[in-house]
Structure formats: C-alpha cells, structure tokens
Amino acid sequence: MKIALPSHGNQIDDHFGHCEYFTVFTVNMDTKQITNREIVPSPEGCGCKSNIASVLKDMGVTLMLAGNMGEGAVKVLKNSEIDVLRGCSGDVKDTAIKWINGSLVDSGDCCHEHEHGCQH
C-alpha cells in the first residue's frame, strides 16, 4: 500500500495545495512496516487544480494523510480513488507510523483559505 503526505522539510505541510513536495511511503500492512520512501515534487498552483491526484494514483497511492485541505482537493483525490485523512501534523514518518498503528482519525476539518486565498 502507498500513502502520501504533503510535506515541507520532514513535516506535514499545513496546506495541501501549496506544499513543497509529497512524501510517499510504501507500507507492508502485514508487517506494519514502511518499506520505501519517495519524494514527489509538488506541481505549481493550487493542488485541486493540478494533476497531482492522477500522478499519485498512477504511482499506486490510495491514501493521503494531510493537515488541512479544501473540499475541492478532497473531491479530486477521492475521484482518483485516494482516501483522505485530515488533521495530521508533525513529522511525516511519525505520522505514517501513527496511521499504521491505527491511532489517527480524520478531523473532518476543511480549509477555508480558498475563500480568500486561491482563486477558484
């Protein structure tokens, strides 16, 4: 299984659509171990209007662990068969391990920055 995390440094980026890059972990769910880490450059512009969902889907990503994102981004990812879990923060590897161990739940929070930030 592959999971993606919007990243800045080794931290979860607070805004999915403007992250520096995406960290993609390959996870062996039988052993609950991370077996690979890849870095995927973030496209220019807002995430929900970019091709990042299709790029991640083509890589086999099925889950996005994110801090916060707008409903548009959630819909684009879900349309690409990528589930979304919001409300994550901190170190990307620590966050992935928390998810693997079942200790993360979706916050349900949506970013409202698009109302005064991105032009959609």
C-alpha atoms as a PDB file:
ATOM      1  CA  MET A   1       0.000   0.000   0.000  1.00  0.00           C
ATOM      2  CA  LYS A   2       1.174   3.544  -0.698  1.00  0.00           C
ATOM      3  CA  ILE A   3       0.319   6.641   1.329  1.00  0.00           C
ATOM      4  CA  ALA A   4       1.163  10.257   0.500  1.00  0.00           C
ATOM      5  CA  LEU A   5       1.752  13.192   2.834  1.00  0.00           C
ATOM      6  CA  PRO A   6       2.015  16.857   1.749  1.00  0.00           C
ATOM      7  CA  SER A   7       5.401  17.876   3.095  1.00  0.00           C
ATOM      8  CA  HIS A   8       7.688  20.776   3.902  1.00  0.00           C
ATOM      9  CA  GLY A   9      11.010  19.565   5.222  1.00  0.00           C
ATOM     10  CA  ASN A  10      10.124  16.418   7.127  1.00  0.00           C
ATOM     11  CA  GLN A  11       6.883  17.931   8.451  1.00  0.00           C
ATOM     12  CA  ILE A  12       3.274  17.697   7.304  1.00  0.00           C
ATOM     13  CA  ASP A  13       2.551  20.899   5.377  1.00  0.00           C
ATOM     14  CA  ASP A  14      -0.474  22.744   6.765  1.00  0.00           C
ATOM     15  CA  HIS A  15      -1.850  23.458   3.289  1.00  0.00           C
ATOM     16  CA  PHE A  16      -2.062  20.556   0.839  1.00  0.00           C
ATOM     17  CA  GLY A  17      -2.202  22.708  -2.283  1.00  0.00           C
ATOM     18  CA  HIS A  18       0.945  24.683  -1.547  1.00  0.00           C
ATOM     19  CA  CYS A  19       3.261  22.031  -0.114  1.00  0.00           C
ATOM     20  CA  GLU A  20       6.922  21.819  -1.078  1.00  0.00           C
ATOM     21  CA  TYR A  21       6.611  18.161  -2.142  1.00  0.00           C
ATOM     22  CA  PHE A  22       4.767  14.931  -1.322  1.00  0.00           C
ATOM     23  CA  THR A  23       6.357  12.171   0.713  1.00  0.00           C
ATOM     24  CA  VAL A  24       5.120   8.777  -0.493  1.00  0.00           C
ATOM     25  CA  PHE A  25       5.627   5.789   1.773  1.00  0.00           C
ATOM     26  CA  THR A  26       5.177   2.182   0.688  1.00  0.00           C
ATOM     27  CA  VAL A  27       3.749   0.231   3.617  1.00  0.00           C
ATOM     28  CA  ASN A  28       3.660  -3.527   4.104  1.00  0.00           C
ATOM     29  CA  MET A  29       0.385  -3.860   6.010  1.00  0.00           C
ATOM     30  CA  ASP A  30       1.134  -7.469   7.007  1.00  0.00           C
ATOM     31  CA  THR A  31       4.287  -6.482   8.885  1.00  0.00           C
ATOM     32  CA  LYS A  32       3.165  -2.886   9.576  1.00  0.00           C
ATOM     33  CA  GLN A  33       6.500  -1.625   8.270  1.00  0.00           C
ATOM     34  CA  ILE A  34       7.451   1.220   5.926  1.00  0.00           C
ATOM     35  CA  THR A  35       9.433  -0.401   3.117  1.00  0.00           C
ATOM     36  CA  ASN A  36      10.157   2.574   0.843  1.00  0.00           C
ATOM     37  CA  ARG A  37      10.101   6.385   0.768  1.00  0.00           C
ATOM     38  CA  GLU A  38       9.774   8.508  -2.377  1.00  0.00           C
ATOM     39  CA  ILE A  39       9.674  12.269  -2.884  1.00  0.00           C
ATOM     40  CA  VAL A  40       7.237  13.639  -5.483  1.00  0.00           C
ATOM     41  CA  PRO A  41       7.623  17.300  -6.471  1.00  0.00           C
ATOM     42  CA  SER A  42       4.555  19.444  -5.901  1.00  0.00           C
ATOM     43  CA  PRO A  43       3.052  20.966  -9.049  1.00  0.00           C
ATOM     44  CA  GLU A  44       2.715  24.729  -9.421  1.00  0.00           C
ATOM     45  CA  GLY A  45      -0.521  26.336  -8.276  1.00  0.00           C
ATOM     46  CA  CYS A  46      -3.321  25.054  -6.089  1.00  0.00           C
ATOM     47  CA  GLY A  47      -3.427  21.302  -5.526  1.00  0.00           C
ATOM     48  CA  CYS A  48      -7.044  20.714  -6.533  1.00  0.00           C
ATOM     49  CA  LYS A  49      -6.427  22.252  -9.977  1.00  0.00           C
ATOM     50  CA  SER A  50      -3.155  20.436 -10.597  1.00  0.00           C
ATOM     51  CA  ASN A  51      -2.538  16.918 -11.880  1.00  0.00           C
ATOM     52  CA  ILE A  52      -1.178  15.673  -8.532  1.00  0.00           C
ATOM     53  CA  ALA A  53      -4.126  13.344  -7.883  1.00  0.00           C
ATOM     54  CA  SER A  54      -3.571  11.467 -11.150  1.00  0.00           C
ATOM     55  CA  VAL A  55       0.209  11.394 -10.627  1.00  0.00           C
ATOM     56  CA  LEU A  56      -0.236   9.882  -7.158  1.00  0.00           C
ATOM     57  CA  LYS A  57      -2.904   7.448  -8.369  1.00  0.00           C
ATOM     58  CA  ASP A  58      -0.596   6.271 -11.172  1.00  0.00           C
ATOM     59  CA  MET A  59       2.054   5.611  -8.505  1.00  0.00           C
ATOM     60  CA  GLY A  60      -0.417   3.427  -6.597  1.00  0.00           C
ATOM     61  CA  VAL A  61      -1.199   5.852  -3.765  1.00  0.00           C
ATOM     62  CA  THR A  62      -4.527   5.042  -2.080  1.00  0.00           C
ATOM     63  CA  LEU A  63      -4.404   7.315   0.983  1.00  0.00           C
ATOM     64  CA  MET A  64      -3.466  10.953   1.660  1.00  0.00           C
ATOM     65  CA  LEU A  65      -2.556  11.900   5.244  1.00  0.00           C
ATOM     66  CA  ALA A  66      -2.900  15.685   5.345  1.00  0.00           C
ATOM     67  CA  GLY A  67      -3.061  18.602   7.716  1.00  0.00           C
ATOM     68  CA  ASN A  68      -5.846  20.545   6.117  1.00  0.00           C
ATOM     69  CA  MET A  69      -7.324  20.865   2.652  1.00  0.00           C
ATOM     70  CA  GLY A  70     -10.318  22.317   0.914  1.00  0.00           C
ATOM     71  CA  GLU A  71     -13.339  20.323  -0.208  1.00  0.00           C
ATOM     72  CA  GLY A  72     -12.246  20.701  -3.844  1.00  0.00           C
ATOM     73  CA  ALA A  73      -8.994  18.873  -3.148  1.00  0.00           C
ATOM     74  CA  VAL A  74     -10.797  16.176  -1.146  1.00  0.00           C
ATOM     75  CA  LYS A  75     -13.186  15.587  -4.079  1.00  0.00           C
ATOM     76  CA  VAL A  76     -10.383  15.491  -6.661  1.00  0.00           C
ATOM     77  CA  LEU A  77      -8.442  12.959  -4.595  1.00  0.00           C
ATOM     78  CA  LYS A  78     -11.498  10.808  -3.896  1.00  0.00           C
ATOM     79  CA  ASN A  79     -12.371  10.867  -7.621  1.00  0.00           C
ATOM     80  CA  SER A  80      -8.884   9.411  -8.160  1.00  0.00           C
ATOM     81  CA  GLU A  81      -9.657   6.685  -5.591  1.00  0.00           C
ATOM     82  CA  ILE A  82      -7.376   8.238  -2.961  1.00  0.00           C
ATOM     83  CA  ASP A  83      -8.901   8.360   0.512  1.00  0.00           C
ATOM     84  CA  VAL A  84      -8.150  11.406   2.651  1.00  0.00           C
ATOM     85  CA  LEU A  85      -7.436  11.679   6.362  1.00  0.00           C
ATOM     86  CA  ARG A  86      -7.185  15.300   7.590  1.00  0.00           C
ATOM     87  CA  GLY A  87      -5.952  16.782  10.840  1.00  0.00           C
ATOM     88  CA  CYS A  88      -2.413  15.363  10.703  1.00  0.00           C
ATOM     89  CA  SER A  89       0.631  17.309  11.864  1.00  0.00           C
ATOM     90  CA  GLY A  90       4.262  16.816  12.797  1.00  0.00           C
ATOM     91  CA  ASP A  91       6.979  14.612  11.346  1.00  0.00           C
ATOM     92  CA  VAL A  92       5.869  12.736   8.215  1.00  0.00           C
ATOM     93  CA  LYS A  93       7.353   9.381   9.214  1.00  0.00           C
ATOM     94  CA  ASP A  94       5.947   9.606  12.755  1.00  0.00           C
ATOM     95  CA  THR A  95       2.537  10.463  11.284  1.00  0.00           C
ATOM     96  CA  ALA A  96       2.679   7.492   8.899  1.00  0.00           C
ATOM     97  CA  ILE A  97       3.611   5.179  11.790  1.00  0.00           C
ATOM     98  CA  LYS A  98       0.701   6.504  13.862  1.00  0.00           C
ATOM     99  CA  TRP A  99      -1.650   5.736  10.963  1.00  0.00           C
ATOM    100  CA  ILE A 100      -0.152   2.242  10.505  1.00  0.00           C
ATOM    101  CA  ASN A 101      -0.759   1.606  14.212  1.00  0.00           C
ATOM    102  CA  GLY A 102      -4.367   2.816  13.924  1.00  0.00           C
ATOM    103  CA  SER A 103      -4.070   5.883  16.117  1.00  0.00           C
ATOM    104  CA  LEU A 104      -5.166   8.548  13.591  1.00  0.00           C
ATOM    105  CA  VAL A 105      -8.722   9.577  12.689  1.00  0.00           C
ATOM    106  CA  ASP A 106      -9.974  12.120  10.180  1.00  0.00           C
ATOM    107  CA  SER A 107     -10.646  15.513  11.752  1.00  0.00           C
ATOM    108  CA  GLY A 108     -13.226  16.372   9.101  1.00  0.00           C
ATOM    109  CA  ASP A 109     -11.857  19.928   9.039  1.00  0.00           C
ATOM    110  CA  CYS A 110     -11.786  21.706   5.713  1.00  0.00           C
ATOM    111  CA  CYS A 111      -9.588  24.571   4.728  1.00  0.00           C
ATOM    112  CA  HIS A 112     -11.465  27.792   4.082  1.00  0.00           C
ATOM    113  CA  GLU A 113      -8.395  29.627   2.738  1.00  0.00           C
ATOM    114  CA  HIS A 114      -9.807  29.290  -0.772  1.00  0.00           C
ATOM    115  CA  GLU A 115     -12.422  31.859   0.221  1.00  0.00           C
ATOM    116  CA  HIS A 116      -9.698  34.484   0.478  1.00  0.00           C
ATOM    117  CA  GLY A 117      -6.543  32.838  -0.917  1.00  0.00           C
ATOM    118  CA  CYS A 118      -6.707  30.727  -4.057  1.00  0.00           C
ATOM    119  CA  GLN A 119      -8.784  31.964  -6.970  1.00  0.00           C
ATOM    120  CA  HIS A 120     -11.116  29.108  -7.903  1.00  0.00           C
END
